[in-house]
Amino acid sequence: MVIMRLWLTPDGPDSIELNCVKEEERPQMRLGGQIAADVGYQETEGYKNITGFVLAEFEKVYETKGTVVEHIEYATQVINGIVHKLVVRINAEDCDCVYRCEAWVIMRPWLKPDGPDFITLDCVNKESSFELLDKKITSIFSYILYIILKV
């Protein structure tokens, strides 16, 4: 199960339902080991056209659409090498999505034989989401450091 969080915007929905697409219909993208290097885009006069995120750690690909105006921020929660949560903030305009997205972005999971036809994503307040995830990541690293020092 993939858990992703979208930002809650004043005029946006509290949740959004995303349809899955067949795996063979996904765009061909390069694979990489780190999320930062896995953001596919083309530089065009200062704009970056997002083509997708490739999470090579567990071989799932997500497609985003929209023109990035400022920057992308991301945070991940990784446990035992598996990405359990991906938080993405994207400042975009002209998004190709159901709702105008200034602070959140659509992502589409691929349809798997044992997966759902769609998933529902809950929107969250962007400040609290990053704060909570930051604390979780910090506590995980603190625990790992504690184990290393103990040994």
N, C-alpha and C. Protein backbone atom coordinates (compact mmCIF):
# COMPACT_ATOMS: atom_id res chain seq x y z
N MET A 1 0.85 -1.19 0.00
CA MET A 1 0.00 0.00 0.00
C MET A 1 0.88 1.24 0.00
N VAL A 2 0.55 2.17 -0.85
CA VAL A 2 1.32 3.41 -0.95
C VAL A 2 0.59 4.52 -0.22
N ILE A 3 1.28 5.18 0.67
CA ILE A 3 0.68 6.30 1.39
C ILE A 3 1.33 7.58 0.91
N MET A 4 0.54 8.49 0.40
CA MET A 4 1.07 9.77 -0.04
C MET A 4 0.18 10.86 0.53
N ARG A 5 0.77 12.01 0.78
CA ARG A 5 0.00 13.11 1.37
C ARG A 5 -0.02 14.29 0.40
N LEU A 6 -1.19 14.88 0.25
CA LEU A 6 -1.34 16.07 -0.56
C LEU A 6 -1.60 17.25 0.35
N TRP A 7 -1.22 18.43 -0.13
CA TRP A 7 -1.41 19.62 0.70
C TRP A 7 -2.86 20.09 0.67
N LEU A 8 -3.34 20.53 1.80
CA LEU A 8 -4.68 21.09 1.90
C LEU A 8 -4.63 22.56 1.52
N THR A 9 -5.40 22.96 0.52
CA THR A 9 -5.44 24.35 0.10
C THR A 9 -6.82 24.93 0.43
N PRO A 10 -6.90 26.25 0.62
CA PRO A 10 -8.17 26.87 1.01
C PRO A 10 -9.34 26.52 0.09
N ASP A 11 -9.08 26.50 -1.21
CA ASP A 11 -10.16 26.23 -2.16
C ASP A 11 -10.08 24.81 -2.72
N GLY A 12 -9.26 23.99 -2.11
CA GLY A 12 -9.09 22.63 -2.62
C GLY A 12 -9.89 21.62 -1.82
N PRO A 13 -9.84 20.36 -2.24
CA PRO A 13 -10.61 19.31 -1.56
C PRO A 13 -9.90 18.80 -0.31
N ASP A 14 -10.64 18.10 0.53
CA ASP A 14 -10.03 17.46 1.71
C ASP A 14 -9.36 16.15 1.33
N SER A 15 -9.78 15.59 0.22
CA SER A 15 -9.16 14.36 -0.27
C SER A 15 -9.34 14.32 -1.78
N ILE A 16 -8.59 13.46 -2.41
CA ILE A 16 -8.70 13.35 -3.87
C ILE A 16 -8.54 11.88 -4.25
N GLU A 17 -9.31 11.46 -5.22
CA GLU A 17 -9.28 10.08 -5.67
C GLU A 17 -8.48 10.00 -6.96
N LEU A 18 -7.50 9.12 -6.99
CA LEU A 18 -6.66 8.99 -8.17
C LEU A 18 -6.90 7.64 -8.84
N ASN A 19 -7.12 7.67 -10.14
CA ASN A 19 -7.28 6.43 -10.88
C ASN A 19 -5.91 5.85 -11.19
N CYS A 20 -5.81 4.53 -11.07
CA CYS A 20 -4.56 3.86 -11.42
C CYS A 20 -4.51 3.66 -12.93
N VAL A 21 -3.30 3.56 -13.45
CA VAL A 21 -3.12 3.31 -14.88
C VAL A 21 -2.37 2.00 -15.05
N LYS A 22 -2.56 1.36 -16.19
CA LYS A 22 -1.87 0.10 -16.45
C LYS A 22 -0.36 0.35 -16.53
N GLU A 23 0.39 -0.62 -16.04
CA GLU A 23 1.83 -0.45 -15.95
C GLU A 23 2.46 -0.20 -17.31
N GLU A 24 1.93 -0.87 -18.35
CA GLU A 24 2.53 -0.69 -19.68
C GLU A 24 2.25 0.70 -20.26
N GLU A 25 1.30 1.43 -19.67
CA GLU A 25 0.98 2.77 -20.15
C GLU A 25 1.85 3.85 -19.51
N ARG A 26 2.65 3.46 -18.53
CA ARG A 26 3.46 4.47 -17.85
C ARG A 26 4.58 4.96 -18.76
N PRO A 27 5.00 6.20 -18.59
CA PRO A 27 6.09 6.72 -19.42
C PRO A 27 7.40 6.03 -19.07
N GLN A 28 8.24 5.88 -20.07
CA GLN A 28 9.54 5.26 -19.83
C GLN A 28 10.47 6.29 -19.19
N MET A 29 10.99 5.95 -18.03
CA MET A 29 11.88 6.87 -17.32
C MET A 29 13.10 6.11 -16.85
N ARG A 30 14.15 6.84 -16.64
CA ARG A 30 15.37 6.21 -16.13
C ARG A 30 15.18 5.87 -14.65
N LEU A 31 15.90 4.89 -14.19
CA LEU A 31 15.86 4.53 -12.78
C LEU A 31 17.06 5.13 -12.08
N GLY A 32 16.91 5.43 -10.82
CA GLY A 32 18.01 5.98 -10.04
C GLY A 32 17.89 5.54 -8.62
N GLY A 33 18.92 5.76 -7.83
CA GLY A 33 18.93 5.28 -6.47
C GLY A 33 18.40 6.25 -5.45
N GLN A 34 18.40 7.54 -5.76
CA GLN A 34 17.97 8.52 -4.78
C GLN A 34 16.86 9.37 -5.36
N ILE A 35 15.96 9.77 -4.49
CA ILE A 35 14.80 10.53 -4.94
C ILE A 35 15.21 11.86 -5.55
N ALA A 36 16.20 12.51 -4.97
CA ALA A 36 16.63 13.81 -5.48
C ALA A 36 17.07 13.71 -6.93
N ALA A 37 17.71 12.60 -7.26
CA ALA A 37 18.20 12.41 -8.62
C ALA A 37 17.14 11.83 -9.53
N ASP A 38 16.03 11.43 -8.94
CA ASP A 38 15.00 10.74 -9.70
C ASP A 38 13.89 11.64 -10.20
N VAL A 39 14.00 12.93 -9.95
CA VAL A 39 12.98 13.85 -10.45
C VAL A 39 13.30 14.13 -11.90
N GLY A 40 12.41 13.68 -12.78
CA GLY A 40 12.66 13.88 -14.20
C GLY A 40 12.08 15.21 -14.67
N TYR A 41 12.87 16.03 -15.30
CA TYR A 41 12.36 17.31 -15.78
C TYR A 41 13.20 17.83 -16.92
N GLN A 42 12.69 18.81 -17.61
CA GLN A 42 13.42 19.48 -18.67
C GLN A 42 13.49 20.96 -18.35
N GLU A 43 14.69 21.52 -18.47
CA GLU A 43 14.85 22.95 -18.23
C GLU A 43 14.40 23.71 -19.47
N THR A 44 13.48 24.64 -19.30
CA THR A 44 13.00 25.44 -20.42
C THR A 44 12.82 26.88 -19.96
N GLU A 45 13.75 27.72 -20.28
CA GLU A 45 13.69 29.14 -19.92
C GLU A 45 13.37 29.33 -18.44
N GLY A 46 14.09 28.62 -17.60
CA GLY A 46 13.90 28.79 -16.17
C GLY A 46 12.79 27.95 -15.57
N TYR A 47 12.02 27.28 -16.40
CA TYR A 47 10.93 26.43 -15.91
C TYR A 47 11.36 24.98 -15.96
N LYS A 48 10.80 24.20 -15.07
CA LYS A 48 11.08 22.77 -15.07
C LYS A 48 9.76 22.03 -15.28
N ASN A 49 9.70 21.26 -16.34
CA ASN A 49 8.50 20.47 -16.61
C ASN A 49 8.65 19.11 -15.95
N ILE A 50 7.86 18.88 -14.92
CA ILE A 50 7.98 17.65 -14.17
C ILE A 50 7.41 16.48 -14.98
N THR A 51 8.20 15.44 -15.10
CA THR A 51 7.72 14.25 -15.79
C THR A 51 7.47 13.11 -14.83
N GLY A 52 8.10 13.11 -13.68
CA GLY A 52 7.76 12.05 -12.75
C GLY A 52 8.79 11.81 -11.67
N PHE A 53 8.41 10.97 -10.74
CA PHE A 53 9.30 10.53 -9.67
C PHE A 53 9.53 9.03 -9.83
N VAL A 54 10.75 8.61 -9.74
CA VAL A 54 11.07 7.19 -9.81
C VAL A 54 11.63 6.77 -8.47
N LEU A 55 10.91 5.91 -7.78
CA LEU A 55 11.38 5.41 -6.49
C LEU A 55 11.97 4.02 -6.72
N ALA A 56 13.25 4.01 -7.05
CA ALA A 56 13.89 2.75 -7.41
C ALA A 56 13.98 1.78 -6.25
N GLU A 57 13.88 2.31 -5.03
CA GLU A 57 14.01 1.44 -3.87
C GLU A 57 12.97 0.33 -3.86
N PHE A 58 11.77 0.63 -4.33
CA PHE A 58 10.78 -0.43 -4.37
C PHE A 58 10.02 -0.44 -5.69
N GLU A 59 10.69 0.07 -6.72
CA GLU A 59 10.23 -0.06 -8.10
C GLU A 59 8.79 0.37 -8.33
N LYS A 60 8.46 1.54 -7.84
CA LYS A 60 7.16 2.11 -8.15
C LYS A 60 7.41 3.47 -8.78
N VAL A 61 6.66 3.78 -9.81
CA VAL A 61 6.85 5.03 -10.53
C VAL A 61 5.59 5.86 -10.42
N TYR A 62 5.77 7.14 -10.19
CA TYR A 62 4.63 8.04 -10.08
C TYR A 62 4.79 9.18 -11.06
N GLU A 63 3.71 9.56 -11.69
CA GLU A 63 3.75 10.61 -12.70
C GLU A 63 3.13 11.88 -12.14
N THR A 64 3.77 13.00 -12.39
CA THR A 64 3.20 14.27 -12.00
C THR A 64 3.09 15.14 -13.24
N LYS A 65 2.14 16.04 -13.21
CA LYS A 65 1.99 16.96 -14.33
C LYS A 65 1.86 18.37 -13.78
N GLY A 66 2.49 19.31 -14.44
CA GLY A 66 2.45 20.68 -13.97
C GLY A 66 3.76 21.37 -14.28
N THR A 67 3.74 22.69 -14.29
CA THR A 67 4.94 23.46 -14.55
C THR A 67 5.43 24.05 -13.24
N VAL A 68 6.63 23.70 -12.86
CA VAL A 68 7.17 24.18 -11.59
C VAL A 68 7.65 25.62 -11.75
N VAL A 69 7.18 26.48 -10.89
CA VAL A 69 7.57 27.88 -10.95
C VAL A 69 8.73 28.16 -10.01
N GLU A 70 8.67 27.61 -8.81
CA GLU A 70 9.70 27.91 -7.83
C GLU A 70 10.60 26.71 -7.54
N HIS A 71 10.14 25.80 -6.76
CA HIS A 71 11.00 24.71 -6.34
C HIS A 71 10.18 23.52 -5.86
N ILE A 72 10.87 22.43 -5.65
CA ILE A 72 10.24 21.23 -5.11
C ILE A 72 10.87 20.94 -3.76
N GLU A 73 10.06 20.59 -2.80
CA GLU A 73 10.57 20.12 -1.52
C GLU A 73 10.05 18.71 -1.32
N TYR A 74 10.87 17.87 -0.76
CA TYR A 74 10.40 16.51 -0.52
C TYR A 74 10.99 16.00 0.79
N ALA A 75 10.32 15.07 1.38
CA ALA A 75 10.82 14.41 2.58
C ALA A 75 10.34 12.98 2.53
N THR A 76 11.14 12.08 3.00
CA THR A 76 10.76 10.68 2.96
C THR A 76 10.93 10.02 4.32
N GLN A 77 10.16 9.02 4.54
CA GLN A 77 10.33 8.19 5.73
C GLN A 77 10.76 6.82 5.23
N VAL A 78 12.00 6.45 5.49
CA VAL A 78 12.54 5.20 4.99
C VAL A 78 12.81 4.26 6.16
N ILE A 79 12.22 3.09 6.12
CA ILE A 79 12.43 2.08 7.15
C ILE A 79 12.88 0.79 6.46
N ASN A 80 14.04 0.30 6.86
CA ASN A 80 14.60 -0.93 6.28
C ASN A 80 14.70 -0.84 4.75
N GLY A 81 15.07 0.31 4.26
CA GLY A 81 15.28 0.47 2.83
C GLY A 81 14.01 0.63 2.01
N ILE A 82 12.85 0.67 2.66
CA ILE A 82 11.58 0.81 1.94
C ILE A 82 11.00 2.19 2.20
N VAL A 83 10.62 2.86 1.15
CA VAL A 83 10.01 4.17 1.30
C VAL A 83 8.56 3.99 1.73
N HIS A 84 8.25 4.40 2.94
CA HIS A 84 6.89 4.23 3.46
C HIS A 84 6.04 5.47 3.21
N LYS A 85 6.67 6.60 3.10
CA LYS A 85 5.90 7.82 2.93
C LYS A 85 6.71 8.81 2.09
N LEU A 86 6.06 9.42 1.14
CA LEU A 86 6.70 10.46 0.32
C LEU A 86 5.86 11.71 0.42
N VAL A 87 6.47 12.79 0.88
CA VAL A 87 5.77 14.06 0.99
C VAL A 87 6.38 15.01 -0.03
N VAL A 88 5.56 15.54 -0.89
CA VAL A 88 6.05 16.43 -1.94
C VAL A 88 5.29 17.74 -1.90
N ARG A 89 6.02 18.82 -1.95
CA ARG A 89 5.38 20.13 -2.08
C ARG A 89 5.84 20.69 -3.42
N ILE A 90 4.89 21.12 -4.21
CA ILE A 90 5.23 21.64 -5.53
C ILE A 90 4.48 22.94 -5.76
N ASN A 91 5.20 23.99 -6.09
CA ASN A 91 4.58 25.26 -6.45
C ASN A 91 4.44 25.26 -7.97
N ALA A 92 3.23 25.17 -8.43
CA ALA A 92 3.04 24.98 -9.86
C ALA A 92 1.94 25.85 -10.41
N GLU A 93 1.96 25.99 -11.73
CA GLU A 93 0.87 26.67 -12.42
C GLU A 93 0.53 25.85 -13.66
N ASP A 94 -0.64 26.07 -14.19
CA ASP A 94 -1.08 25.33 -15.36
C ASP A 94 -1.03 23.82 -15.14
N CYS A 95 -1.47 23.41 -13.97
CA CYS A 95 -1.45 21.98 -13.66
C CYS A 95 -2.49 21.24 -14.49
N ASP A 96 -2.10 20.12 -15.02
CA ASP A 96 -3.02 19.27 -15.76
C ASP A 96 -3.68 18.32 -14.76
N CYS A 97 -4.62 18.86 -13.98
CA CYS A 97 -5.26 18.04 -12.96
C CYS A 97 -6.68 18.54 -12.73
N VAL A 98 -7.41 17.79 -11.95
CA VAL A 98 -8.82 18.11 -11.73
C VAL A 98 -8.98 19.44 -11.02
N TYR A 99 -8.11 19.70 -10.05
CA TYR A 99 -8.19 20.94 -9.28
C TYR A 99 -6.98 21.81 -9.55
N ARG A 100 -7.17 23.10 -9.43
CA ARG A 100 -6.05 24.03 -9.52
C ARG A 100 -5.07 23.69 -8.40
N CYS A 101 -3.82 23.43 -8.71
CA CYS A 101 -2.91 23.02 -7.65
C CYS A 101 -1.77 24.01 -7.49
N GLU A 102 -1.85 24.77 -6.44
CA GLU A 102 -0.80 25.72 -6.12
C GLU A 102 0.18 25.09 -5.15
N ALA A 103 -0.34 24.25 -4.26
CA ALA A 103 0.51 23.69 -3.22
C ALA A 103 0.44 22.17 -3.16
N TRP A 104 -0.25 21.56 -4.08
CA TRP A 104 -0.25 20.10 -4.09
C TRP A 104 -0.29 19.60 -5.52
N VAL A 105 0.03 18.36 -5.71
CA VAL A 105 0.18 17.83 -7.06
C VAL A 105 -0.47 16.45 -7.16
N ILE A 106 -0.96 16.15 -8.33
CA ILE A 106 -1.55 14.83 -8.57
C ILE A 106 -0.44 13.81 -8.83
N MET A 107 -0.61 12.64 -8.27
CA MET A 107 0.29 11.53 -8.56
C MET A 107 -0.56 10.32 -8.89
N ARG A 108 -0.14 9.56 -9.89
CA ARG A 108 -0.92 8.39 -10.29
C ARG A 108 -0.14 7.11 -10.04
N PRO A 109 -0.69 6.19 -9.27
CA PRO A 109 -0.03 4.90 -9.08
C PRO A 109 -0.34 3.98 -10.26
N TRP A 110 0.52 3.01 -10.45
CA TRP A 110 0.29 2.07 -11.54
C TRP A 110 -0.62 0.94 -11.08
N LEU A 111 -1.43 0.48 -12.01
CA LEU A 111 -2.37 -0.60 -11.72
C LEU A 111 -1.61 -1.93 -11.64
N LYS A 112 -1.69 -2.58 -10.49
CA LYS A 112 -1.01 -3.86 -10.29
C LYS A 112 -2.06 -4.97 -10.22
N PRO A 113 -1.68 -6.21 -10.53
CA PRO A 113 -2.65 -7.31 -10.47
C PRO A 113 -3.35 -7.42 -9.11
N ASP A 114 -2.60 -7.17 -8.04
CA ASP A 114 -3.19 -7.31 -6.71
C ASP A 114 -3.47 -5.95 -6.07
N GLY A 115 -3.43 -4.90 -6.88
CA GLY A 115 -3.63 -3.56 -6.33
C GLY A 115 -5.02 -3.03 -6.64
N PRO A 116 -5.36 -1.86 -6.08
CA PRO A 116 -6.68 -1.27 -6.29
C PRO A 116 -6.77 -0.55 -7.64
N ASP A 117 -7.98 -0.29 -8.07
CA ASP A 117 -8.19 0.48 -9.30
C ASP A 117 -8.02 1.97 -9.05
N PHE A 118 -8.15 2.36 -7.81
CA PHE A 118 -7.94 3.76 -7.46
C PHE A 118 -7.55 3.84 -5.99
N ILE A 119 -6.97 4.95 -5.60
CA ILE A 119 -6.67 5.19 -4.19
C ILE A 119 -7.17 6.58 -3.83
N THR A 120 -7.52 6.77 -2.58
CA THR A 120 -7.96 8.07 -2.10
C THR A 120 -6.88 8.64 -1.20
N LEU A 121 -6.45 9.84 -1.50
CA LEU A 121 -5.40 10.50 -0.73
C LEU A 121 -6.00 11.61 0.11
N ASP A 122 -5.67 11.62 1.37
CA ASP A 122 -6.12 12.69 2.26
C ASP A 122 -5.19 13.88 2.14
N CYS A 123 -5.78 15.06 2.07
CA CYS A 123 -4.98 16.27 2.06
C CYS A 123 -4.65 16.67 3.50
N VAL A 124 -3.49 17.28 3.68
CA VAL A 124 -3.08 17.69 5.02
C VAL A 124 -2.57 19.12 4.97
N ASN A 125 -2.57 19.75 6.12
CA ASN A 125 -1.98 21.09 6.23
C ASN A 125 -0.48 20.97 6.00
N LYS A 126 0.06 21.76 5.09
CA LYS A 126 1.46 21.55 4.71
C LYS A 126 2.44 21.83 5.84
N GLU A 127 2.15 22.80 6.70
CA GLU A 127 3.07 23.09 7.79
C GLU A 127 3.15 21.91 8.76
N SER A 128 2.00 21.41 9.18
CA SER A 128 1.99 20.33 10.16
C SER A 128 2.52 19.04 9.57
N SER A 129 2.30 18.83 8.27
CA SER A 129 2.77 17.59 7.65
C SER A 129 4.28 17.51 7.67
N PHE A 130 4.93 18.59 7.25
CA PHE A 130 6.40 18.58 7.24
C PHE A 130 6.94 18.48 8.65
N GLU A 131 6.29 19.15 9.59
CA GLU A 131 6.75 19.14 10.98
C GLU A 131 6.66 17.73 11.56
N LEU A 132 5.53 17.06 11.32
CA LEU A 132 5.35 15.71 11.84
C LEU A 132 6.33 14.74 11.21
N LEU A 133 6.48 14.84 9.91
CA LEU A 133 7.38 13.93 9.21
C LEU A 133 8.82 14.17 9.64
N ASP A 134 9.16 15.45 9.83
CA ASP A 134 10.50 15.82 10.28
C ASP A 134 10.81 15.16 11.62
N LYS A 135 9.84 15.19 12.52
CA LYS A 135 10.03 14.59 13.85
C LYS A 135 10.20 13.08 13.74
N LYS A 136 9.42 12.46 12.85
CA LYS A 136 9.52 11.01 12.69
C LYS A 136 10.89 10.62 12.14
N ILE A 137 11.34 11.36 11.12
CA ILE A 137 12.65 11.07 10.52
C ILE A 137 13.75 11.27 11.56
N THR A 138 13.66 12.37 12.32
CA THR A 138 14.66 12.65 13.35
C THR A 138 14.69 11.54 14.39
N SER A 139 13.52 11.08 14.81
CA SER A 139 13.48 10.03 15.83
C SER A 139 14.03 8.71 15.30
N ILE A 140 13.79 8.42 14.03
CA ILE A 140 14.32 7.19 13.42
C ILE A 140 15.84 7.24 13.40
N PHE A 141 16.39 8.37 12.93
CA PHE A 141 17.84 8.50 12.87
C PHE A 141 18.46 8.49 14.27
N SER A 142 17.78 9.09 15.23
CA SER A 142 18.27 9.08 16.61
C SER A 142 18.34 7.66 17.14
N TYR A 143 17.32 6.87 16.83
CA TYR A 143 17.27 5.48 17.28
C TYR A 143 18.40 4.66 16.65
N ILE A 144 18.60 4.87 15.34
CA ILE A 144 19.68 4.16 14.64
C ILE A 144 21.04 4.54 15.23
N LEU A 145 21.23 5.83 15.48
CA LEU A 145 22.49 6.31 16.07
C LEU A 145 22.69 5.70 17.46
N TYR A 146 21.61 5.60 18.22
CA TYR A 146 21.67 5.02 19.56
C TYR A 146 22.14 3.56 19.48
N ILE A 147 21.60 2.81 18.54
CA ILE A 147 21.97 1.40 18.37
C ILE A 147 23.44 1.28 17.98
N ILE A 148 23.87 2.13 17.05
CA ILE A 148 25.27 2.09 16.60
C ILE A 148 26.22 2.39 17.75
N LEU A 149 25.90 3.42 18.52
CA LEU A 149 26.76 3.80 19.64
C LEU A 149 26.76 2.74 20.74
N LYS A 150 25.64 2.07 20.90
CA LYS A 150 25.52 1.03 21.93
C LYS A 150 26.39 -0.17 21.59
N VAL A 151 26.45 -0.49 20.30
CA VAL A 151 27.26 -1.63 19.84
C VAL A 151 28.73 -1.25 19.88
